[in-house]
Amino acid sequence: MNLVVSHWSANVAVLAVFLVIATVHLAGLRGMLTDARRAGDALPPGLAREVTAFYAGLLVVLLALVTPVGYWSGIYIWIRALQDILLGVVAPPLIVLGAPWLVLWRGLGRGSGLGAARDEGPSSPRWLSWPVAVTALFSLVWCGWYVPALYDAGVHHPVVLAAQVVSYLGVGVLFWLQLVGSRPFSPRFGPLYRVMLIAATVVTSTVLGMVLGFGANVIYPAYRGVGDHHLFSVAGDQQLGGAELWVLVLLPYVIAGVALLVRWLNDEESRALTLGLDRMLRPSKSAWPTRTGWR
């Protein structure tokens, strides 16, 4: 129980960023509601669902940094791995599904109504045209922070840990923007190609998990002598963290992959049905040969 109720962190920087983002987002929501009421416009469909997903993503970030997970991640590798999964794999898709871009844009005073928010909102960035490059960058960042020198530096230097948190969230959001629609942005690739991006990311994470899970030697010496590893050794702690990176990251990827495959199958079925109807409605040509010059 001590693992859960003690060592909560009142991290001023994290709480300040959370409050600023929440304040701007709530101001944007209030502004959009006011504009819709004045102009008689309808609110975007699914806005309540998006708001719920966005704040769920923010709460996951707080769970990883402010709760005891943040403290124990500097003592146990398996909790550090859990923290990384929350920041790099769980929070980003929730934020992307929350589609906060137009609302934040309105909260910053850059829009004057729903119509203006659609027209004057942030333009589609160029990196949305680089899905493969963004996927490779995400895999590089995800694996790069597990290089022993960087991983150990995160234990002793808060600045390094802060850089890791920001890069996980930032690149994670960029990656998930390639996979799911986030109003007003749409992925460039079709559903099947996006499944391939997910498969490449899963392979990378699996290899990383296997390296840690099957390693007999301690890769991260900064965790030697930190805390009390009386239940299992540091090597066992490291192997448990590798198992988490191997298995736990699969859940959001599998959910996204299955949803994309279902959408692809539906699109293929609709296309086949359309082609079939076209053949049925198109006038058939006569099988008899025609001769020119007959009267």
C-alpha atoms as a PDB file:
ATOM      1  CA  MET A   1       0.000   0.000   0.000  1.00  0.00           C
ATOM      2  CA  ASN A   2       2.960   2.309   0.680  1.00  0.00           C
ATOM      3  CA  LEU A   3       3.823   1.974  -3.008  1.00  0.00           C
ATOM      4  CA  VAL A   4       0.508   3.612  -3.909  1.00  0.00           C
ATOM      5  CA  VAL A   5      -0.203   6.216  -1.226  1.00  0.00           C
ATOM      6  CA  SER A   6       3.273   7.678  -0.735  1.00  0.00           C
ATOM      7  CA  HIS A   7       5.628   9.766  -2.856  1.00  0.00           C
ATOM      8  CA  TRP A   8       3.066  11.814  -4.729  1.00  0.00           C
ATOM      9  CA  SER A   9       4.781  14.700  -6.477  1.00  0.00           C
ATOM     10  CA  ALA A  10       3.667  18.319  -6.599  1.00  0.00           C
ATOM     11  CA  ASN A  11       5.811  18.994  -9.663  1.00  0.00           C
ATOM     12  CA  VAL A  12       5.299  22.699 -10.260  1.00  0.00           C
ATOM     13  CA  ALA A  13       6.339  22.615 -13.925  1.00  0.00           C
ATOM     14  CA  VAL A  14       4.044  19.690 -14.797  1.00  0.00           C
ATOM     15  CA  LEU A  15       1.059  21.142 -12.945  1.00  0.00           C
ATOM     16  CA  ALA A  16       1.622  24.581 -14.478  1.00  0.00           C
ATOM     17  CA  VAL A  17       1.703  23.185 -18.023  1.00  0.00           C
ATOM     18  CA  PHE A  18      -1.417  21.129 -17.327  1.00  0.00           C
ATOM     19  CA  LEU A  19      -3.288  24.162 -15.967  1.00  0.00           C
ATOM     20  CA  VAL A  20      -2.267  26.366 -18.903  1.00  0.00           C
ATOM     21  CA  ILE A  21      -3.375  23.792 -21.488  1.00  0.00           C
ATOM     22  CA  ALA A  22      -6.631  23.081 -19.662  1.00  0.00           C
ATOM     23  CA  THR A  23      -7.369  26.800 -19.264  1.00  0.00           C
ATOM     24  CA  VAL A  24      -6.800  27.535 -22.957  1.00  0.00           C
ATOM     25  CA  HIS A  25      -8.845  24.490 -23.972  1.00  0.00           C
ATOM     26  CA  LEU A  26     -11.763  25.381 -21.708  1.00  0.00           C
ATOM     27  CA  ALA A  27     -11.658  28.976 -22.971  1.00  0.00           C
ATOM     28  CA  GLY A  28     -11.781  27.656 -26.522  1.00  0.00           C
ATOM     29  CA  LEU A  29     -14.754  25.441 -25.725  1.00  0.00           C
ATOM     30  CA  ARG A  30     -16.631  28.299 -24.124  1.00  0.00           C
ATOM     31  CA  GLY A  31     -15.830  30.540 -27.075  1.00  0.00           C
ATOM     32  CA  MET A  32     -17.026  27.956 -29.591  1.00  0.00           C
ATOM     33  CA  LEU A  33     -20.253  27.410 -27.653  1.00  0.00           C
ATOM     34  CA  THR A  34     -20.867  31.155 -27.506  1.00  0.00           C
ATOM     35  CA  ASP A  35     -20.156  31.583 -31.205  1.00  0.00           C
ATOM     36  CA  ALA A  36     -22.439  28.687 -32.106  1.00  0.00           C
ATOM     37  CA  ARG A  37     -25.268  30.126 -30.003  1.00  0.00           C
ATOM     38  CA  ARG A  38     -24.957  33.552 -31.612  1.00  0.00           C
ATOM     39  CA  ALA A  39     -24.663  32.313 -35.197  1.00  0.00           C
ATOM     40  CA  GLY A  40     -27.116  29.453 -34.842  1.00  0.00           C
ATOM     41  CA  ASP A  41     -24.484  26.952 -36.019  1.00  0.00           C
ATOM     42  CA  ALA A  42     -24.382  23.337 -34.921  1.00  0.00           C
ATOM     43  CA  LEU A  43     -21.437  22.117 -32.879  1.00  0.00           C
ATOM     44  CA  PRO A  44     -19.140  19.578 -34.537  1.00  0.00           C
ATOM     45  CA  PRO A  45     -20.455  16.018 -34.107  1.00  0.00           C
ATOM     46  CA  GLY A  46     -18.647  14.010 -31.462  1.00  0.00           C
ATOM     47  CA  LEU A  47     -17.299  17.083 -29.659  1.00  0.00           C
ATOM     48  CA  ALA A  48     -18.146  15.658 -26.226  1.00  0.00           C
ATOM     49  CA  ARG A  49     -16.357  12.424 -27.077  1.00  0.00           C
ATOM     50  CA  GLU A  50     -13.304  14.358 -28.263  1.00  0.00           C
ATOM     51  CA  VAL A  51     -13.188  16.451 -25.090  1.00  0.00           C
ATOM     52  CA  THR A  52     -13.363  13.291 -22.970  1.00  0.00           C
ATOM     53  CA  ALA A  53     -10.524  11.645 -24.896  1.00  0.00           C
ATOM     54  CA  PHE A  54      -8.330  14.757 -24.701  1.00  0.00           C
ATOM     55  CA  TYR A  55      -8.642  15.154 -20.939  1.00  0.00           C
ATOM     56  CA  ALA A  56      -8.156  11.418 -20.490  1.00  0.00           C
ATOM     57  CA  GLY A  57      -4.833  11.818 -22.318  1.00  0.00           C
ATOM     58  CA  LEU A  58      -3.828  14.700 -20.047  1.00  0.00           C
ATOM     59  CA  LEU A  59      -4.745  12.662 -16.973  1.00  0.00           C
ATOM     60  CA  VAL A  60      -2.590   9.776 -18.218  1.00  0.00           C
ATOM     61  CA  VAL A  61       0.347  12.204 -18.430  1.00  0.00           C
ATOM     62  CA  LEU A  62      -0.323  13.322 -14.855  1.00  0.00           C
ATOM     63  CA  LEU A  63      -0.584   9.684 -13.801  1.00  0.00           C
ATOM     64  CA  ALA A  64       2.882   9.038 -15.197  1.00  0.00           C
ATOM     65  CA  LEU A  65       4.538  12.104 -13.671  1.00  0.00           C
ATOM     66  CA  VAL A  66       2.719  13.277 -10.532  1.00  0.00           C
ATOM     67  CA  THR A  67       1.592  10.009  -8.947  1.00  0.00           C
ATOM     68  CA  PRO A  68       4.020   7.580  -7.235  1.00  0.00           C
ATOM     69  CA  VAL A  69       4.820   6.188 -10.709  1.00  0.00           C
ATOM     70  CA  GLY A  70       7.077   9.207 -11.204  1.00  0.00           C
ATOM     71  CA  TYR A  71       8.983   8.524  -7.969  1.00  0.00           C
ATOM     72  CA  TRP A  72       9.339   4.768  -8.244  1.00  0.00           C
ATOM     73  CA  SER A  73      10.417   5.000 -11.895  1.00  0.00           C
ATOM     74  CA  GLY A  74      13.788   6.198 -10.623  1.00  0.00           C
ATOM     75  CA  ILE A  75      14.135   3.086  -8.451  1.00  0.00           C
ATOM     76  CA  TYR A  76      12.616   0.215 -10.439  1.00  0.00           C
ATOM     77  CA  ILE A  77      13.146  -0.353 -14.135  1.00  0.00           C
ATOM     78  CA  TRP A  78       9.785  -2.073 -14.580  1.00  0.00           C
ATOM     79  CA  ILE A  79       7.984   1.027 -13.266  1.00  0.00           C
ATOM     80  CA  ARG A  80      10.153   3.201 -15.526  1.00  0.00           C
ATOM     81  CA  ALA A  81       9.012   1.044 -18.457  1.00  0.00           C
ATOM     82  CA  LEU A  82       5.389   1.466 -17.345  1.00  0.00           C
ATOM     83  CA  GLN A  83       5.896   5.232 -17.217  1.00  0.00           C
ATOM     84  CA  ASP A  84       7.370   5.202 -20.730  1.00  0.00           C
ATOM     85  CA  ILE A  85       4.383   3.226 -22.038  1.00  0.00           C
ATOM     86  CA  LEU A  86       1.954   5.712 -20.487  1.00  0.00           C
ATOM     87  CA  LEU A  87       3.797   8.674 -21.999  1.00  0.00           C
ATOM     88  CA  GLY A  88       4.702   7.260 -25.402  1.00  0.00           C
ATOM     89  CA  VAL A  89       1.947   4.773 -26.233  1.00  0.00           C
ATOM     90  CA  VAL A  90      -1.182   5.502 -24.166  1.00  0.00           C
ATOM     91  CA  ALA A  91      -1.398   9.300 -23.824  1.00  0.00           C
ATOM     92  CA  PRO A  92      -0.627  10.299 -27.465  1.00  0.00           C
ATOM     93  CA  PRO A  93      -3.519   8.389 -29.119  1.00  0.00           C
ATOM     94  CA  LEU A  94      -5.962   9.785 -26.545  1.00  0.00           C
ATOM     95  CA  ILE A  95      -4.747  13.323 -27.235  1.00  0.00           C
ATOM     96  CA  VAL A  96      -5.007  12.790 -31.001  1.00  0.00           C
ATOM     97  CA  LEU A  97      -8.500  11.302 -30.679  1.00  0.00           C
ATOM     98  CA  GLY A  98      -9.369  14.356 -28.589  1.00  0.00           C
ATOM     99  CA  ALA A  99      -8.724  16.599 -31.632  1.00  0.00           C
ATOM    100  CA  PRO A 100      -7.950  19.665 -29.484  1.00  0.00           C
ATOM    101  CA  TRP A 101      -6.376  21.729 -32.265  1.00  0.00           C
ATOM    102  CA  LEU A 102      -9.313  23.923 -33.300  1.00  0.00           C
ATOM    103  CA  VAL A 103     -10.455  24.328 -29.699  1.00  0.00           C
ATOM    104  CA  LEU A 104      -6.991  25.421 -28.558  1.00  0.00           C
ATOM    105  CA  TRP A 105      -6.787  27.685 -31.607  1.00  0.00           C
ATOM    106  CA  ARG A 106     -10.054  29.306 -30.542  1.00  0.00           C
ATOM    107  CA  GLY A 107      -8.873  29.520 -26.931  1.00  0.00           C
ATOM    108  CA  LEU A 108      -5.835  31.494 -28.069  1.00  0.00           C
ATOM    109  CA  GLY A 109      -8.179  34.016 -29.672  1.00  0.00           C
ATOM    110  CA  ARG A 110      -7.329  33.019 -33.219  1.00  0.00           C
ATOM    111  CA  GLY A 111     -10.900  32.230 -34.316  1.00  0.00           C
ATOM    112  CA  SER A 112     -14.207  34.068 -34.026  1.00  0.00           C
ATOM    113  CA  GLY A 113     -16.705  31.282 -34.602  1.00  0.00           C
ATOM    114  CA  LEU A 114     -17.168  27.720 -35.740  1.00  0.00           C
ATOM    115  CA  GLY A 115     -16.995  28.705 -39.376  1.00  0.00           C
ATOM    116  CA  ALA A 116     -13.946  30.824 -38.753  1.00  0.00           C
ATOM    117  CA  ALA A 117     -12.372  28.051 -36.730  1.00  0.00           C
ATOM    118  CA  ARG A 118     -12.706  25.730 -39.683  1.00  0.00           C
ATOM    119  CA  ASP A 119     -11.429  28.291 -42.180  1.00  0.00           C
ATOM    120  CA  GLU A 120      -8.813  30.064 -40.068  1.00  0.00           C
ATOM    121  CA  GLY A 121      -7.612  27.088 -38.093  1.00  0.00           C
ATOM    122  CA  PRO A 122      -4.068  25.736 -38.235  1.00  0.00           C
ATOM    123  CA  SER A 123      -3.081  24.768 -41.751  1.00  0.00           C
ATOM    124  CA  SER A 124      -2.153  21.172 -42.446  1.00  0.00           C
ATOM    125  CA  PRO A 125       1.547  20.807 -41.567  1.00  0.00           C
ATOM    126  CA  ARG A 126       3.985  19.332 -44.069  1.00  0.00           C
ATOM    127  CA  TRP A 127       4.932  16.395 -41.855  1.00  0.00           C
ATOM    128  CA  LEU A 128       1.464  14.943 -42.427  1.00  0.00           C
ATOM    129  CA  SER A 129       2.819  14.138 -45.907  1.00  0.00           C
ATOM    130  CA  TRP A 130       5.702  12.120 -44.446  1.00  0.00           C
ATOM    131  CA  PRO A 131       4.101   9.118 -42.691  1.00  0.00           C
ATOM    132  CA  VAL A 132       7.078   6.787 -43.172  1.00  0.00           C
ATOM    133  CA  ALA A 133       9.559   9.391 -41.936  1.00  0.00           C
ATOM    134  CA  VAL A 134       7.421  10.184 -38.871  1.00  0.00           C
ATOM    135  CA  THR A 135       7.081   6.459 -38.095  1.00  0.00           C
ATOM    136  CA  ALA A 136      10.849   6.000 -38.357  1.00  0.00           C
ATOM    137  CA  LEU A 137      11.384   9.035 -36.101  1.00  0.00           C
ATOM    138  CA  PHE A 138       8.990   7.622 -33.507  1.00  0.00           C
ATOM    139  CA  SER A 139      10.803   4.266 -33.475  1.00  0.00           C
ATOM    140  CA  LEU A 140      14.167   6.050 -33.234  1.00  0.00           C
ATOM    141  CA  VAL A 141      13.040   8.152 -30.263  1.00  0.00           C
ATOM    142  CA  TRP A 142      11.325   5.187 -28.575  1.00  0.00           C
ATOM    143  CA  CYS A 143      14.422   3.002 -28.778  1.00  0.00           C
ATOM    144  CA  GLY A 144      16.985   5.804 -28.496  1.00  0.00           C
ATOM    145  CA  TRP A 145      16.053   6.678 -24.931  1.00  0.00           C
ATOM    146  CA  TYR A 146      16.867   3.081 -23.945  1.00  0.00           C
ATOM    147  CA  VAL A 147      20.516   3.560 -24.832  1.00  0.00           C
ATOM    148  CA  PRO A 148      22.205   2.978 -21.437  1.00  0.00           C
ATOM    149  CA  ALA A 149      23.903   6.394 -21.243  1.00  0.00           C
ATOM    150  CA  LEU A 150      20.658   8.289 -21.899  1.00  0.00           C
ATOM    151  CA  TYR A 151      18.532   5.959 -19.776  1.00  0.00           C
ATOM    152  CA  ASP A 152      20.832   6.255 -16.767  1.00  0.00           C
ATOM    153  CA  ALA A 153      21.097  10.021 -17.217  1.00  0.00           C
ATOM    154  CA  GLY A 154      17.337  10.241 -16.807  1.00  0.00           C
ATOM    155  CA  VAL A 155      17.676   8.847 -13.281  1.00  0.00           C
ATOM    156  CA  HIS A 156      20.087  11.513 -12.043  1.00  0.00           C
ATOM    157  CA  HIS A 157      19.282  14.562 -14.198  1.00  0.00           C
ATOM    158  CA  PRO A 158      15.713  15.956 -14.227  1.00  0.00           C
ATOM    159  CA  VAL A 159      16.457  17.955 -17.400  1.00  0.00           C
ATOM    160  CA  VAL A 160      17.203  14.758 -19.318  1.00  0.00           C
ATOM    161  CA  LEU A 161      14.039  13.145 -17.980  1.00  0.00           C
ATOM    162  CA  ALA A 162      12.024  16.220 -19.001  1.00  0.00           C
ATOM    163  CA  ALA A 163      13.483  16.003 -22.521  1.00  0.00           C
ATOM    164  CA  GLN A 164      12.458  12.347 -22.655  1.00  0.00           C
ATOM    165  CA  VAL A 165       8.901  13.158 -21.568  1.00  0.00           C
ATOM    166  CA  VAL A 166       8.523  15.966 -24.121  1.00  0.00           C
ATOM    167  CA  SER A 167       9.960  13.873 -26.963  1.00  0.00           C
ATOM    168  CA  TYR A 168       7.746  10.885 -26.143  1.00  0.00           C
ATOM    169  CA  LEU A 169       4.614  13.013 -26.123  1.00  0.00           C
ATOM    170  CA  GLY A 170       5.539  15.162 -29.115  1.00  0.00           C
ATOM    171  CA  VAL A 171       6.708  12.413 -31.446  1.00  0.00           C
ATOM    172  CA  GLY A 172       3.959  10.108 -30.184  1.00  0.00           C
ATOM    173  CA  VAL A 173       1.298  12.648 -31.178  1.00  0.00           C
ATOM    174  CA  LEU A 174       2.935  13.098 -34.595  1.00  0.00           C
ATOM    175  CA  PHE A 175       2.940   9.337 -35.106  1.00  0.00           C
ATOM    176  CA  TRP A 176      -0.705   8.837 -34.150  1.00  0.00           C
ATOM    177  CA  LEU A 177      -1.728  11.693 -36.426  1.00  0.00           C
ATOM    178  CA  GLN A 178      -0.538   9.428 -39.252  1.00  0.00           C
ATOM    179  CA  LEU A 179      -2.872   6.662 -38.078  1.00  0.00           C
ATOM    180  CA  VAL A 180      -6.189   8.255 -37.069  1.00  0.00           C
ATOM    181  CA  GLY A 181      -8.107  11.333 -38.099  1.00  0.00           C
ATOM    182  CA  SER A 182      -7.911  14.285 -35.732  1.00  0.00           C
ATOM    183  CA  ARG A 183     -10.136  17.133 -36.854  1.00  0.00           C
ATOM    184  CA  PRO A 184      -9.195  19.080 -38.983  1.00  0.00           C
ATOM    185  CA  PHE A 185      -6.267  16.829 -39.993  1.00  0.00           C
ATOM    186  CA  SER A 186      -6.633  13.586 -41.947  1.00  0.00           C
ATOM    187  CA  PRO A 187      -4.008  10.856 -42.479  1.00  0.00           C
ATOM    188  CA  ARG A 188      -2.475  10.723 -45.923  1.00  0.00           C
ATOM    189  CA  PHE A 189      -2.211   6.932 -46.229  1.00  0.00           C
ATOM    190  CA  GLY A 190      -5.116   4.553 -46.684  1.00  0.00           C
ATOM    191  CA  PRO A 191      -6.153   2.140 -43.907  1.00  0.00           C
ATOM    192  CA  LEU A 192      -4.065  -0.821 -45.113  1.00  0.00           C
ATOM    193  CA  TYR A 193      -0.890   1.258 -45.418  1.00  0.00           C
ATOM    194  CA  ARG A 194      -1.461   2.616 -41.928  1.00  0.00           C
ATOM    195  CA  VAL A 195      -1.661  -0.951 -40.628  1.00  0.00           C
ATOM    196  CA  MET A 196       1.802  -1.477 -42.126  1.00  0.00           C
ATOM    197  CA  LEU A 197       3.091   1.539 -40.181  1.00  0.00           C
ATOM    198  CA  ILE A 198       1.711  -0.006 -36.997  1.00  0.00           C
ATOM    199  CA  ALA A 199       3.300  -3.366 -37.838  1.00  0.00           C
ATOM    200  CA  ALA A 200       6.717  -1.736 -38.306  1.00  0.00           C
ATOM    201  CA  THR A 201       6.399   0.012 -34.938  1.00  0.00           C
ATOM    202  CA  VAL A 202       5.332  -3.210 -33.209  1.00  0.00           C
ATOM    203  CA  VAL A 203       8.373  -5.036 -34.608  1.00  0.00           C
ATOM    204  CA  THR A 204      10.693  -2.321 -33.288  1.00  0.00           C
ATOM    205  CA  SER A 205       9.119  -2.369 -29.826  1.00  0.00           C
ATOM    206  CA  THR A 206       9.201  -6.170 -29.762  1.00  0.00           C
ATOM    207  CA  VAL A 207      12.925  -6.227 -30.515  1.00  0.00           C
ATOM    208  CA  LEU A 208      13.552  -3.684 -27.750  1.00  0.00           C
ATOM    209  CA  GLY A 209      11.506  -5.736 -25.295  1.00  0.00           C
ATOM    210  CA  MET A 210      13.371  -8.919 -26.225  1.00  0.00           C
ATOM    211  CA  VAL A 211      16.754  -7.246 -25.715  1.00  0.00           C
ATOM    212  CA  LEU A 212      15.784  -6.245 -22.174  1.00  0.00           C
ATOM    213  CA  GLY A 213      13.692  -9.322 -21.412  1.00  0.00           C
ATOM    214  CA  PHE A 214      16.290 -11.921 -22.357  1.00  0.00           C
ATOM    215  CA  GLY A 215      19.345  -9.996 -21.197  1.00  0.00           C
ATOM    216  CA  ALA A 216      21.139 -11.698 -18.313  1.00  0.00           C
ATOM    217  CA  ASN A 217      23.420  -8.759 -17.547  1.00  0.00           C
ATOM    218  CA  VAL A 218      22.384  -5.436 -16.078  1.00  0.00           C
ATOM    219  CA  ILE A 219      22.271  -2.912 -18.915  1.00  0.00           C
ATOM    220  CA  TYR A 220      21.477   0.094 -16.717  1.00  0.00           C
ATOM    221  CA  PRO A 221      24.011   0.335 -13.877  1.00  0.00           C
ATOM    222  CA  ALA A 222      22.357   3.487 -12.466  1.00  0.00           C
ATOM    223  CA  TYR A 223      19.730   1.201 -10.921  1.00  0.00           C
ATOM    224  CA  ARG A 224      22.321  -0.775  -8.938  1.00  0.00           C
ATOM    225  CA  GLY A 225      22.062   0.084  -5.276  1.00  0.00           C
ATOM    226  CA  VAL A 226      19.030   2.332  -5.801  1.00  0.00           C
ATOM    227  CA  GLY A 227      16.143   1.319  -3.582  1.00  0.00           C
ATOM    228  CA  ASP A 228      15.510  -2.171  -2.243  1.00  0.00           C
ATOM    229  CA  HIS A 229      15.444  -4.978  -4.828  1.00  0.00           C
ATOM    230  CA  HIS A 230      14.805  -7.695  -2.266  1.00  0.00           C
ATOM    231  CA  LEU A 231      11.987  -9.273  -4.297  1.00  0.00           C
ATOM    232  CA  PHE A 232      14.099  -9.742  -7.407  1.00  0.00           C
ATOM    233  CA  SER A 233      17.497  -8.689  -8.648  1.00  0.00           C
ATOM    234  CA  VAL A 234      18.204  -5.660 -10.808  1.00  0.00           C
ATOM    235  CA  ALA A 235      18.553  -8.028 -13.757  1.00  0.00           C
ATOM    236  CA  GLY A 236      15.123  -9.482 -12.956  1.00  0.00           C
ATOM    237  CA  ASP A 237      13.741  -5.963 -12.655  1.00  0.00           C
ATOM    238  CA  GLN A 238      15.166  -5.195 -16.097  1.00  0.00           C
ATOM    239  CA  GLN A 239      13.689  -8.366 -17.592  1.00  0.00           C
ATOM    240  CA  LEU A 240      10.252  -7.504 -16.197  1.00  0.00           C
ATOM    241  CA  GLY A 241      10.526  -4.075 -17.809  1.00  0.00           C
ATOM    242  CA  GLY A 242      11.417  -5.726 -21.107  1.00  0.00           C
ATOM    243  CA  ALA A 243       8.343  -7.956 -20.853  1.00  0.00           C
ATOM    244  CA  GLU A 244       6.186  -4.852 -20.404  1.00  0.00           C
ATOM    245  CA  LEU A 245       7.707  -3.215 -23.469  1.00  0.00           C
ATOM    246  CA  TRP A 246       7.090  -6.425 -25.378  1.00  0.00           C
ATOM    247  CA  VAL A 247       3.481  -7.094 -24.331  1.00  0.00           C
ATOM    248  CA  LEU A 248       1.754  -4.018 -22.881  1.00  0.00           C
ATOM    249  CA  VAL A 249       2.460  -1.771 -25.863  1.00  0.00           C
ATOM    250  CA  LEU A 250       0.533  -4.157 -28.106  1.00  0.00           C
ATOM    251  CA  LEU A 251      -2.925  -3.239 -26.768  1.00  0.00           C
ATOM    252  CA  PRO A 252      -3.348   0.242 -28.338  1.00  0.00           C
ATOM    253  CA  TYR A 253      -1.618  -0.899 -31.530  1.00  0.00           C
ATOM    254  CA  VAL A 254      -3.852  -3.963 -31.866  1.00  0.00           C
ATOM    255  CA  ILE A 255      -6.981  -1.870 -31.276  1.00  0.00           C
ATOM    256  CA  ALA A 256      -5.909   0.655 -33.917  1.00  0.00           C
ATOM    257  CA  GLY A 257      -4.830  -2.073 -36.343  1.00  0.00           C
ATOM    258  CA  VAL A 258      -8.106  -3.981 -36.059  1.00  0.00           C
ATOM    259  CA  ALA A 259     -10.127  -0.780 -36.529  1.00  0.00           C
ATOM    260  CA  LEU A 260      -8.123   0.108 -39.638  1.00  0.00           C
ATOM    261  CA  LEU A 261      -8.484  -3.394 -41.073  1.00  0.00           C
ATOM    262  CA  VAL A 262     -12.247  -3.288 -40.537  1.00  0.00           C
ATOM    263  CA  ARG A 263     -12.394   0.065 -42.272  1.00  0.00           C
ATOM    264  CA  TRP A 264     -10.292  -1.239 -45.164  1.00  0.00           C
ATOM    265  CA  LEU A 265     -12.545  -4.284 -45.564  1.00  0.00           C
ATOM    266  CA  ASN A 266     -15.628  -2.065 -45.506  1.00  0.00           C
ATOM    267  CA  ASP A 267     -14.090   0.190 -48.151  1.00  0.00           C
ATOM    268  CA  GLU A 268     -13.231  -2.822 -50.319  1.00  0.00           C
ATOM    269  CA  GLU A 269     -16.740  -4.207 -49.917  1.00  0.00           C
ATOM    270  CA  SER A 270     -18.282  -0.850 -50.845  1.00  0.00           C
ATOM    271  CA  ARG A 271     -15.996  -0.576 -53.862  1.00  0.00           C
ATOM    272  CA  ALA A 272     -16.876  -4.081 -55.029  1.00  0.00           C
ATOM    273  CA  LEU A 273     -20.569  -3.375 -54.561  1.00  0.00           C
ATOM    274  CA  THR A 274     -20.275  -0.151 -56.546  1.00  0.00           C
ATOM    275  CA  LEU A 275     -18.445  -1.916 -59.381  1.00  0.00           C
ATOM    276  CA  GLY A 276     -21.077  -4.654 -59.406  1.00  0.00           C
ATOM    277  CA  LEU A 277     -23.898  -2.150 -59.644  1.00  0.00           C
ATOM    278  CA  ASP A 278     -22.090  -0.324 -62.443  1.00  0.00           C
ATOM    279  CA  ARG A 279     -21.844  -3.540 -64.445  1.00  0.00           C
ATOM    280  CA  MET A 280     -25.510  -4.319 -63.881  1.00  0.00           C
ATOM    281  CA  LEU A 281     -26.710  -0.865 -64.897  1.00  0.00           C
ATOM    282  CA  ARG A 282     -24.367  -0.394 -67.840  1.00  0.00           C
ATOM    283  CA  PRO A 283     -26.063  -1.280 -71.186  1.00  0.00           C
ATOM    284  CA  SER A 284     -24.681  -4.535 -72.515  1.00  0.00           C
ATOM    285  CA  LYS A 285     -23.124  -4.568 -75.943  1.00  0.00           C
ATOM    286  CA  SER A 286     -24.558  -6.824 -78.635  1.00  0.00           C
ATOM    287  CA  ALA A 287     -22.678 -10.046 -79.193  1.00  0.00           C
ATOM    288  CA  TRP A 288     -23.516 -10.013 -82.929  1.00  0.00           C
ATOM    289  CA  PRO A 289     -20.864  -8.502 -85.187  1.00  0.00           C
ATOM    290  CA  THR A 290     -21.845  -5.408 -87.073  1.00  0.00           C
ATOM    291  CA  ARG A 291     -21.132  -4.836 -90.778  1.00  0.00           C
ATOM    292  CA  THR A 292     -20.613  -1.476 -92.254  1.00  0.00           C
ATOM    293  CA  GLY A 293     -22.264  -0.523 -95.526  1.00  0.00           C
ATOM    294  CA  TRP A 294     -25.610  -2.292 -94.907  1.00  0.00           C
ATOM    295  CA  ARG A 295     -28.774  -0.413 -95.626  1.00  0.00           C
END
